[in-house]
Structure formats: C-alpha cells, structure tokens
Amino acid sequence: MALIIMDECIACDACREECPNTAIEEGDPIYIIDPDRCTECVGHYEEPQCVEVCPVDCIILDPDNEETMEELKFKYEQLMEEEI
C-alpha cells in the first residue's frame, strides 16, 4: 500500500525531507503523498521514514492503494531506473 496523510497534518514539513522517493508534496492545507512514487520506503529503509518523523501520527496506509511487497519492490526498481 502507498501511504496517505490524514487531515490532522499540521504541515510541519518534517515528512517531505525524509522521503527518499520525493513522493510527498506540499498541498493546501495538508501535505499529500503521490501513490505512484510511494514505496513505503521499500528498497531504502525498514520502516517508512515519513511515519517515523511525523509529530502528529497522521500518516497511515492508504486503503485505496493496496500493494503487495512484490509490487512495492517493483515500483522501487522502476523509480531507480528513472533516475539513471
């Protein structure tokens, strides 16, 4: 699953800098996560870094974007190929 930022977001900017896939953007009024770029940090870290740093715990799994571990790994590989 990709992650989603809930309405409790305080737009503190902590999560955006931690995302290795640049999947988090400033929205109005809350930040948003691009589900096409979010791999839940698979390929980079053991745990999603945005969840780790969020001071209000408003980042959860997005029930509308369910993905298996294999799909997340594939997405990670595709994103890495884009960078080459």
PDB file of N, CA and C in Angstrom:
ATOM      1  N   MET A   1       0.826  -1.188   0.000  1.00  0.00           N
ATOM      2  CA  MET A   1       0.000   0.000   0.000  1.00  0.00           C
ATOM      3  C   MET A   1       0.867   1.247   0.000  1.00  0.00           C
ATOM      4  N   ALA A   2       0.396   2.223  -0.667  1.00  0.00           N
ATOM      5  CA  ALA A   2       1.013   3.528  -0.519  1.00  0.00           C
ATOM      6  C   ALA A   2       0.494   4.109   0.795  1.00  0.00           C
ATOM      7  N   LEU A   3       1.096   5.165   1.211  1.00  0.00           N
ATOM      8  CA  LEU A   3       0.670   5.833   2.440  1.00  0.00           C
ATOM      9  C   LEU A   3      -0.170   7.050   2.087  1.00  0.00           C
ATOM     10  N   ILE A   4      -0.924   7.530   3.065  1.00  0.00           N
ATOM     11  CA  ILE A   4      -1.745   8.715   2.883  1.00  0.00           C
ATOM     12  C   ILE A   4      -1.621   9.583   4.128  1.00  0.00           C
ATOM     13  N   ILE A   5      -1.669  10.892   3.923  1.00  0.00           N
ATOM     14  CA  ILE A   5      -1.601  11.839   5.033  1.00  0.00           C
ATOM     15  C   ILE A   5      -3.025  12.279   5.357  1.00  0.00           C
ATOM     16  N   MET A   6      -3.382  12.147   6.602  1.00  0.00           N
ATOM     17  CA  MET A   6      -4.734  12.466   7.046  1.00  0.00           C
ATOM     18  C   MET A   6      -4.883  13.961   7.359  1.00  0.00           C
ATOM     19  N   ASP A   7      -6.127  14.369   7.585  1.00  0.00           N
ATOM     20  CA  ASP A   7      -6.458  15.775   7.825  1.00  0.00           C
ATOM     21  C   ASP A   7      -5.793  16.366   9.064  1.00  0.00           C
ATOM     22  N   GLU A   8      -5.301  15.540   9.963  1.00  0.00           N
ATOM     23  CA  GLU A   8      -4.645  16.037  11.171  1.00  0.00           C
ATOM     24  C   GLU A   8      -3.268  16.641  10.889  1.00  0.00           C
ATOM     25  N   CYS A   9      -2.794  16.542   9.658  1.00  0.00           N
ATOM     26  CA  CYS A   9      -1.492  17.085   9.264  1.00  0.00           C
ATOM     27  C   CYS A   9      -1.389  18.552   9.660  1.00  0.00           C
ATOM     28  N   ILE A  10      -0.252  18.907  10.249  1.00  0.00           N
ATOM     29  CA  ILE A  10      -0.011  20.293  10.645  1.00  0.00           C
ATOM     30  C   ILE A  10       0.946  21.006   9.676  1.00  0.00           C
ATOM     31  N   ALA A  11       1.236  20.364   8.547  1.00  0.00           N
ATOM     32  CA  ALA A  11       2.095  20.940   7.505  1.00  0.00           C
ATOM     33  C   ALA A  11       3.434  21.406   8.062  1.00  0.00           C
ATOM     34  N   CYS A  12       4.046  20.573   8.878  1.00  0.00           N
ATOM     35  CA  CYS A  12       5.314  20.934   9.528  1.00  0.00           C
ATOM     36  C   CYS A  12       6.528  20.728   8.631  1.00  0.00           C
ATOM     37  N   ASP A  13       6.361  20.004   7.519  1.00  0.00           N
ATOM     38  CA  ASP A  13       7.425  19.770   6.541  1.00  0.00           C
ATOM     39  C   ASP A  13       8.420  18.680   6.962  1.00  0.00           C
ATOM     40  N   ALA A  14       8.218  18.042   8.101  1.00  0.00           N
ATOM     41  CA  ALA A  14       9.161  17.011   8.559  1.00  0.00           C
ATOM     42  C   ALA A  14       9.190  15.813   7.617  1.00  0.00           C
ATOM     43  N   CYS A  15       8.054  15.407   7.119  1.00  0.00           N
ATOM     44  CA  CYS A  15       7.975  14.196   6.298  1.00  0.00           C
ATOM     45  C   CYS A  15       8.579  14.375   4.909  1.00  0.00           C
ATOM     46  N   ARG A  16       8.374  15.520   4.318  1.00  0.00           N
ATOM     47  CA  ARG A  16       8.794  15.738   2.928  1.00  0.00           C
ATOM     48  C   ARG A  16      10.286  15.523   2.737  1.00  0.00           C
ATOM     49  N   GLU A  17      11.083  16.039   3.644  1.00  0.00           N
ATOM     50  CA  GLU A  17      12.534  15.904   3.530  1.00  0.00           C
ATOM     51  C   GLU A  17      13.021  14.474   3.750  1.00  0.00           C
ATOM     52  N   GLU A  18      12.233  13.665   4.436  1.00  0.00           N
ATOM     53  CA  GLU A  18      12.643  12.303   4.747  1.00  0.00           C
ATOM     54  C   GLU A  18      12.323  11.305   3.636  1.00  0.00           C
ATOM     55  N   CYS A  19      11.457  11.664   2.711  1.00  0.00           N
ATOM     56  CA  CYS A  19      11.010  10.727   1.676  1.00  0.00           C
ATOM     57  C   CYS A  19      12.094  10.507   0.626  1.00  0.00           C
ATOM     58  N   PRO A  20      12.612   9.271   0.512  1.00  0.00           N
ATOM     59  CA  PRO A  20      13.676   9.002  -0.461  1.00  0.00           C
ATOM     60  C   PRO A  20      13.180   8.987  -1.908  1.00  0.00           C
ATOM     61  N   ASN A  21      11.868   8.909  -2.109  1.00  0.00           N
ATOM     62  CA  ASN A  21      11.305   8.852  -3.455  1.00  0.00           C
ATOM     63  C   ASN A  21      10.667  10.164  -3.889  1.00  0.00           C
ATOM     64  N   THR A  22      10.848  11.210  -3.118  1.00  0.00           N
ATOM     65  CA  THR A  22      10.213  12.511  -3.351  1.00  0.00           C
ATOM     66  C   THR A  22       8.728  12.359  -3.683  1.00  0.00           C
ATOM     67  N   ALA A  23       8.046  11.551  -2.893  1.00  0.00           N
ATOM     68  CA  ALA A  23       6.624  11.288  -3.112  1.00  0.00           C
ATOM     69  C   ALA A  23       5.727  12.258  -2.359  1.00  0.00           C
ATOM     70  N   ILE A  24       6.289  13.062  -1.477  1.00  0.00           N
ATOM     71  CA  ILE A  24       5.484  13.955  -0.641  1.00  0.00           C
ATOM     72  C   ILE A  24       5.615  15.392  -1.136  1.00  0.00           C
ATOM     73  N   GLU A  25       4.456  16.008  -1.338  1.00  0.00           N
ATOM     74  CA  GLU A  25       4.408  17.381  -1.819  1.00  0.00           C
ATOM     75  C   GLU A  25       3.575  18.235  -0.882  1.00  0.00           C
ATOM     76  N   GLU A  26       3.875  19.509  -0.889  1.00  0.00           N
ATOM     77  CA  GLU A  26       3.080  20.444  -0.107  1.00  0.00           C
ATOM     78  C   GLU A  26       1.734  20.619  -0.782  1.00  0.00           C
ATOM     79  N   GLY A  27       0.680  20.432  -0.009  1.00  0.00           N
ATOM     80  CA  GLY A  27      -0.661  20.632  -0.521  1.00  0.00           C
ATOM     81  C   GLY A  27      -1.322  21.783   0.197  1.00  0.00           C
ATOM     82  N   ASP A  28      -2.593  21.981  -0.068  1.00  0.00           N
ATOM     83  CA  ASP A  28      -3.313  23.066   0.586  1.00  0.00           C
ATOM     84  C   ASP A  28      -4.589  22.508   1.183  1.00  0.00           C
ATOM     85  N   PRO A  29      -4.694  22.338   2.453  1.00  0.00           N
ATOM     86  CA  PRO A  29      -3.824  22.839   3.516  1.00  0.00           C
ATOM     87  C   PRO A  29      -2.829  21.794   4.029  1.00  0.00           C
ATOM     88  N   ILE A  30      -2.973  20.525   3.633  1.00  0.00           N
ATOM     89  CA  ILE A  30      -2.094  19.485   4.169  1.00  0.00           C
ATOM     90  C   ILE A  30      -1.186  18.943   3.074  1.00  0.00           C
ATOM     91  N   TYR A  31      -0.150  18.235   3.489  1.00  0.00           N
ATOM     92  CA  TYR A  31       0.754  17.603   2.536  1.00  0.00           C
ATOM     93  C   TYR A  31       0.068  16.390   1.916  1.00  0.00           C
ATOM     94  N   ILE A  32       0.531  16.010   0.719  1.00  0.00           N
ATOM     95  CA  ILE A  32      -0.046  14.856   0.034  1.00  0.00           C
ATOM     96  C   ILE A  32       1.075  13.917  -0.395  1.00  0.00           C
ATOM     97  N   ILE A  33       0.729  12.643  -0.510  1.00  0.00           N
ATOM     98  CA  ILE A  33       1.680  11.623  -0.949  1.00  0.00           C
ATOM     99  C   ILE A  33       1.229  11.100  -2.303  1.00  0.00           C
ATOM    100  N   ASP A  34       2.136  11.124  -3.272  1.00  0.00           N
ATOM    101  CA  ASP A  34       1.864  10.599  -4.609  1.00  0.00           C
ATOM    102  C   ASP A  34       1.940   9.077  -4.534  1.00  0.00           C
ATOM    103  N   PRO A  35       0.817   8.374  -4.694  1.00  0.00           N
ATOM    104  CA  PRO A  35       0.833   6.920  -4.576  1.00  0.00           C
ATOM    105  C   PRO A  35       1.675   6.230  -5.649  1.00  0.00           C
ATOM    106  N   ASP A  36       1.924   6.916  -6.765  1.00  0.00           N
ATOM    107  CA  ASP A  36       2.758   6.338  -7.822  1.00  0.00           C
ATOM    108  C   ASP A  36       4.241   6.371  -7.465  1.00  0.00           C
ATOM    109  N   ARG A  37       4.622   7.184  -6.490  1.00  0.00           N
ATOM    110  CA  ARG A  37       6.023   7.286  -6.079  1.00  0.00           C
ATOM    111  C   ARG A  37       6.286   6.679  -4.703  1.00  0.00           C
ATOM    112  N   CYS A  38       5.232   6.447  -3.929  1.00  0.00           N
ATOM    113  CA  CYS A  38       5.395   5.924  -2.568  1.00  0.00           C
ATOM    114  C   CYS A  38       5.612   4.415  -2.590  1.00  0.00           C
ATOM    115  N   THR A  39       6.740   3.991  -2.028  1.00  0.00           N
ATOM    116  CA  THR A  39       7.035   2.563  -1.893  1.00  0.00           C
ATOM    117  C   THR A  39       7.062   2.149  -0.425  1.00  0.00           C
ATOM    118  N   GLU A  40       6.550   3.026   0.451  1.00  0.00           N
ATOM    119  CA  GLU A  40       6.631   2.804   1.899  1.00  0.00           C
ATOM    120  C   GLU A  40       8.089   2.621   2.332  1.00  0.00           C
ATOM    121  N   CYS A  41       8.989   3.225   1.583  1.00  0.00           N
ATOM    122  CA  CYS A  41      10.443   3.172   1.796  1.00  0.00           C
ATOM    123  C   CYS A  41      11.060   1.809   1.506  1.00  0.00           C
ATOM    124  N   VAL A  42      10.285   0.903   0.900  1.00  0.00           N
ATOM    125  CA  VAL A  42      10.834  -0.389   0.481  1.00  0.00           C
ATOM    126  C   VAL A  42      11.989  -0.103  -0.484  1.00  0.00           C
ATOM    127  N   GLY A  43      13.099  -0.764  -0.270  1.00  0.00           N
ATOM    128  CA  GLY A  43      14.286  -0.541  -1.080  1.00  0.00           C
ATOM    129  C   GLY A  43      15.242   0.469  -0.465  1.00  0.00           C
ATOM    130  N   HIS A  44      14.747   1.248   0.474  1.00  0.00           N
ATOM    131  CA  HIS A  44      15.573   2.265   1.122  1.00  0.00           C
ATOM    132  C   HIS A  44      15.749   1.991   2.612  1.00  0.00           C
ATOM    133  N   TYR A  45      14.632   1.787   3.307  1.00  0.00           N
ATOM    134  CA  TYR A  45      14.639   1.643   4.762  1.00  0.00           C
ATOM    135  C   TYR A  45      13.696   0.519   5.197  1.00  0.00           C
ATOM    136  N   GLU A  46      13.858   0.101   6.433  1.00  0.00           N
ATOM    137  CA  GLU A  46      12.992  -0.939   7.002  1.00  0.00           C
ATOM    138  C   GLU A  46      11.581  -0.425   7.288  1.00  0.00           C
ATOM    139  N   GLU A  47      11.491   0.844   7.674  1.00  0.00           N
ATOM    140  CA  GLU A  47      10.209   1.458   8.034  1.00  0.00           C
ATOM    141  C   GLU A  47      10.013   2.737   7.224  1.00  0.00           C
ATOM    142  N   PRO A  48       8.762   3.092   6.928  1.00  0.00           N
ATOM    143  CA  PRO A  48       8.514   4.363   6.242  1.00  0.00           C
ATOM    144  C   PRO A  48       9.028   5.536   7.068  1.00  0.00           C
ATOM    145  N   GLN A  49       9.916   6.308   6.485  1.00  0.00           N
ATOM    146  CA  GLN A  49      10.550   7.392   7.210  1.00  0.00           C
ATOM    147  C   GLN A  49       9.590   8.522   7.549  1.00  0.00           C
ATOM    148  N   CYS A  50       8.614   8.766   6.693  1.00  0.00           N
ATOM    149  CA  CYS A  50       7.653   9.827   6.981  1.00  0.00           C
ATOM    150  C   CYS A  50       6.850   9.507   8.239  1.00  0.00           C
ATOM    151  N   VAL A  51       6.489   8.246   8.396  1.00  0.00           N
ATOM    152  CA  VAL A  51       5.743   7.816   9.592  1.00  0.00           C
ATOM    153  C   VAL A  51       6.610   7.998  10.834  1.00  0.00           C
ATOM    154  N   GLU A  52       7.890   7.676  10.702  1.00  0.00           N
ATOM    155  CA  GLU A  52       8.816   7.777  11.832  1.00  0.00           C
ATOM    156  C   GLU A  52       8.963   9.203  12.348  1.00  0.00           C
ATOM    157  N   VAL A  53       8.938  10.195  11.448  1.00  0.00           N
ATOM    158  CA  VAL A  53       9.196  11.573  11.868  1.00  0.00           C
ATOM    159  C   VAL A  53       7.939  12.413  12.095  1.00  0.00           C
ATOM    160  N   CYS A  54       6.784  11.911  11.719  1.00  0.00           N
ATOM    161  CA  CYS A  54       5.551  12.703  11.841  1.00  0.00           C
ATOM    162  C   CYS A  54       5.220  12.961  13.311  1.00  0.00           C
ATOM    163  N   PRO A  55       5.166  14.235  13.716  1.00  0.00           N
ATOM    164  CA  PRO A  55       4.909  14.543  15.123  1.00  0.00           C
ATOM    165  C   PRO A  55       3.456  14.339  15.561  1.00  0.00           C
ATOM    166  N   VAL A  56       2.537  14.218  14.607  1.00  0.00           N
ATOM    167  CA  VAL A  56       1.127  14.052  14.972  1.00  0.00           C
ATOM    168  C   VAL A  56       0.555  12.699  14.531  1.00  0.00           C
ATOM    169  N   ASP A  57       1.406  11.806  14.067  1.00  0.00           N
ATOM    170  CA  ASP A  57       0.996  10.452  13.669  1.00  0.00           C
ATOM    171  C   ASP A  57      -0.210  10.457  12.729  1.00  0.00           C
ATOM    172  N   CYS A  58      -0.111  11.232  11.659  1.00  0.00           N
ATOM    173  CA  CYS A  58      -1.238  11.338  10.737  1.00  0.00           C
ATOM    174  C   CYS A  58      -1.004  10.633   9.404  1.00  0.00           C
ATOM    175  N   ILE A  59       0.041   9.820   9.311  1.00  0.00           N
ATOM    176  CA  ILE A  59       0.342   9.118   8.064  1.00  0.00           C
ATOM    177  C   ILE A  59       0.013   7.642   8.264  1.00  0.00           C
ATOM    178  N   ILE A  60      -0.904   7.145   7.418  1.00  0.00           N
ATOM    179  CA  ILE A  60      -1.373   5.763   7.544  1.00  0.00           C
ATOM    180  C   ILE A  60      -1.329   5.073   6.183  1.00  0.00           C
ATOM    181  N   LEU A  61      -1.572   3.764   6.190  1.00  0.00           N
ATOM    182  CA  LEU A  61      -1.690   3.022   4.941  1.00  0.00           C
ATOM    183  C   LEU A  61      -2.937   3.495   4.202  1.00  0.00           C
ATOM    184  N   ASP A  62      -2.815   3.671   2.907  1.00  0.00           N
ATOM    185  CA  ASP A  62      -3.921   4.139   2.082  1.00  0.00           C
ATOM    186  C   ASP A  62      -4.747   2.935   1.627  1.00  0.00           C
ATOM    187  N   PRO A  63      -5.956   2.769   2.141  1.00  0.00           N
ATOM    188  CA  PRO A  63      -6.763   1.604   1.773  1.00  0.00           C
ATOM    189  C   PRO A  63      -7.160   1.587   0.300  1.00  0.00           C
ATOM    190  N   ASP A  64      -7.051   2.715  -0.389  1.00  0.00           N
ATOM    191  CA  ASP A  64      -7.385   2.772  -1.811  1.00  0.00           C
ATOM    192  C   ASP A  64      -6.210   2.423  -2.709  1.00  0.00           C
ATOM    193  N   ASN A  65      -5.040   2.177  -2.126  1.00  0.00           N
ATOM    194  CA  ASN A  65      -3.837   1.850  -2.902  1.00  0.00           C
ATOM    195  C   ASN A  65      -3.116   0.655  -2.294  1.00  0.00           C
ATOM    196  N   GLU A  66      -3.801  -0.468  -2.235  1.00  0.00           N
ATOM    197  CA  GLU A  66      -3.203  -1.674  -1.668  1.00  0.00           C
ATOM    198  C   GLU A  66      -2.181  -2.254  -2.643  1.00  0.00           C
ATOM    199  N   GLU A  67      -1.012  -2.617  -2.120  1.00  0.00           N
ATOM    200  CA  GLU A  67       0.053  -3.218  -2.919  1.00  0.00           C
ATOM    201  C   GLU A  67       0.748  -4.288  -2.099  1.00  0.00           C
ATOM    202  N   THR A  68       1.194  -5.324  -2.788  1.00  0.00           N
ATOM    203  CA  THR A  68       1.964  -6.371  -2.125  1.00  0.00           C
ATOM    204  C   THR A  68       3.413  -5.923  -1.999  1.00  0.00           C
ATOM    205  N   MET A  69       4.179  -6.647  -1.223  1.00  0.00           N
ATOM    206  CA  MET A  69       5.605  -6.349  -1.083  1.00  0.00           C
ATOM    207  C   MET A  69       6.291  -6.445  -2.448  1.00  0.00           C
ATOM    208  N   GLU A  70       5.902  -7.400  -3.263  1.00  0.00           N
ATOM    209  CA  GLU A  70       6.498  -7.551  -4.592  1.00  0.00           C
ATOM    210  C   GLU A  70       6.184  -6.343  -5.465  1.00  0.00           C
ATOM    211  N   GLU A  71       4.958  -5.827  -5.370  1.00  0.00           N
ATOM    212  CA  GLU A  71       4.594  -4.651  -6.150  1.00  0.00           C
ATOM    213  C   GLU A  71       5.369  -3.427  -5.689  1.00  0.00           C
ATOM    214  N   LEU A  72       5.570  -3.280  -4.385  1.00  0.00           N
ATOM    215  CA  LEU A  72       6.349  -2.161  -3.858  1.00  0.00           C
ATOM    216  C   LEU A  72       7.799  -2.255  -4.315  1.00  0.00           C
ATOM    217  N   LYS A  73       8.362  -3.460  -4.306  1.00  0.00           N
ATOM    218  CA  LYS A  73       9.742  -3.641  -4.779  1.00  0.00           C
ATOM    219  C   LYS A  73       9.859  -3.301  -6.257  1.00  0.00           C
ATOM    220  N   PHE A  74       8.871  -3.726  -7.054  1.00  0.00           N
ATOM    221  CA  PHE A  74       8.879  -3.430  -8.481  1.00  0.00           C
ATOM    222  C   PHE A  74       8.800  -1.925  -8.716  1.00  0.00           C
ATOM    223  N   LYS A  75       7.923  -1.240  -7.979  1.00  0.00           N
ATOM    224  CA  LYS A  75       7.798   0.212  -8.099  1.00  0.00           C
ATOM    225  C   LYS A  75       9.126   0.886  -7.750  1.00  0.00           C
ATOM    226  N   TYR A  76       9.778   0.411  -6.686  1.00  0.00           N
ATOM    227  CA  TYR A  76      11.087   0.942  -6.296  1.00  0.00           C
ATOM    228  C   TYR A  76      12.085   0.790  -7.449  1.00  0.00           C
ATOM    229  N   GLU A  77      12.133  -0.387  -8.052  1.00  0.00           N
ATOM    230  CA  GLU A  77      13.061  -0.639  -9.159  1.00  0.00           C
ATOM    231  C   GLU A  77      12.770   0.287 -10.340  1.00  0.00           C
ATOM    232  N   GLN A  78      11.492   0.502 -10.631  1.00  0.00           N
ATOM    233  CA  GLN A  78      11.118   1.396 -11.729  1.00  0.00           C
ATOM    234  C   GLN A  78      11.558   2.837 -11.433  1.00  0.00           C
ATOM    235  N   LEU A  79      11.371   3.273 -10.197  1.00  0.00           N
ATOM    236  CA  LEU A  79      11.786   4.629  -9.826  1.00  0.00           C
ATOM    237  C   LEU A  79      13.306   4.785  -9.926  1.00  0.00           C
ATOM    238  N   MET A  80      14.042   3.750  -9.564  1.00  0.00           N
ATOM    239  CA  MET A  80      15.503   3.821  -9.640  1.00  0.00           C
ATOM    240  C   MET A  80      15.964   3.873 -11.091  1.00  0.00           C
ATOM    241  N   GLU A  81      15.263   3.190 -11.984  1.00  0.00           N
ATOM    242  CA  GLU A  81      15.609   3.235 -13.406  1.00  0.00           C
ATOM    243  C   GLU A  81      15.371   4.630 -13.978  1.00  0.00           C
ATOM    244  N   GLU A  82      14.330   5.316 -13.486  1.00  0.00           N
ATOM    245  CA  GLU A  82      14.050   6.687 -13.940  1.00  0.00           C
ATOM    246  C   GLU A  82      15.204   7.625 -13.619  1.00  0.00           C
ATOM    247  N   GLU A  83      15.880   7.366 -12.505  1.00  0.00           N
ATOM    248  CA  GLU A  83      16.960   8.244 -12.080  1.00  0.00           C
ATOM    249  C   GLU A  83      18.229   8.062 -12.879  1.00  0.00           C
ATOM    250  N   ILE A  84      18.329   6.955 -13.579  1.00  0.00           N
ATOM    251  CA  ILE A  84      19.555   6.670 -14.350  1.00  0.00           C
ATOM    252  C   ILE A  84      19.596   7.452 -15.637  1.00  0.00           C
TER     253      ILE A  84
END
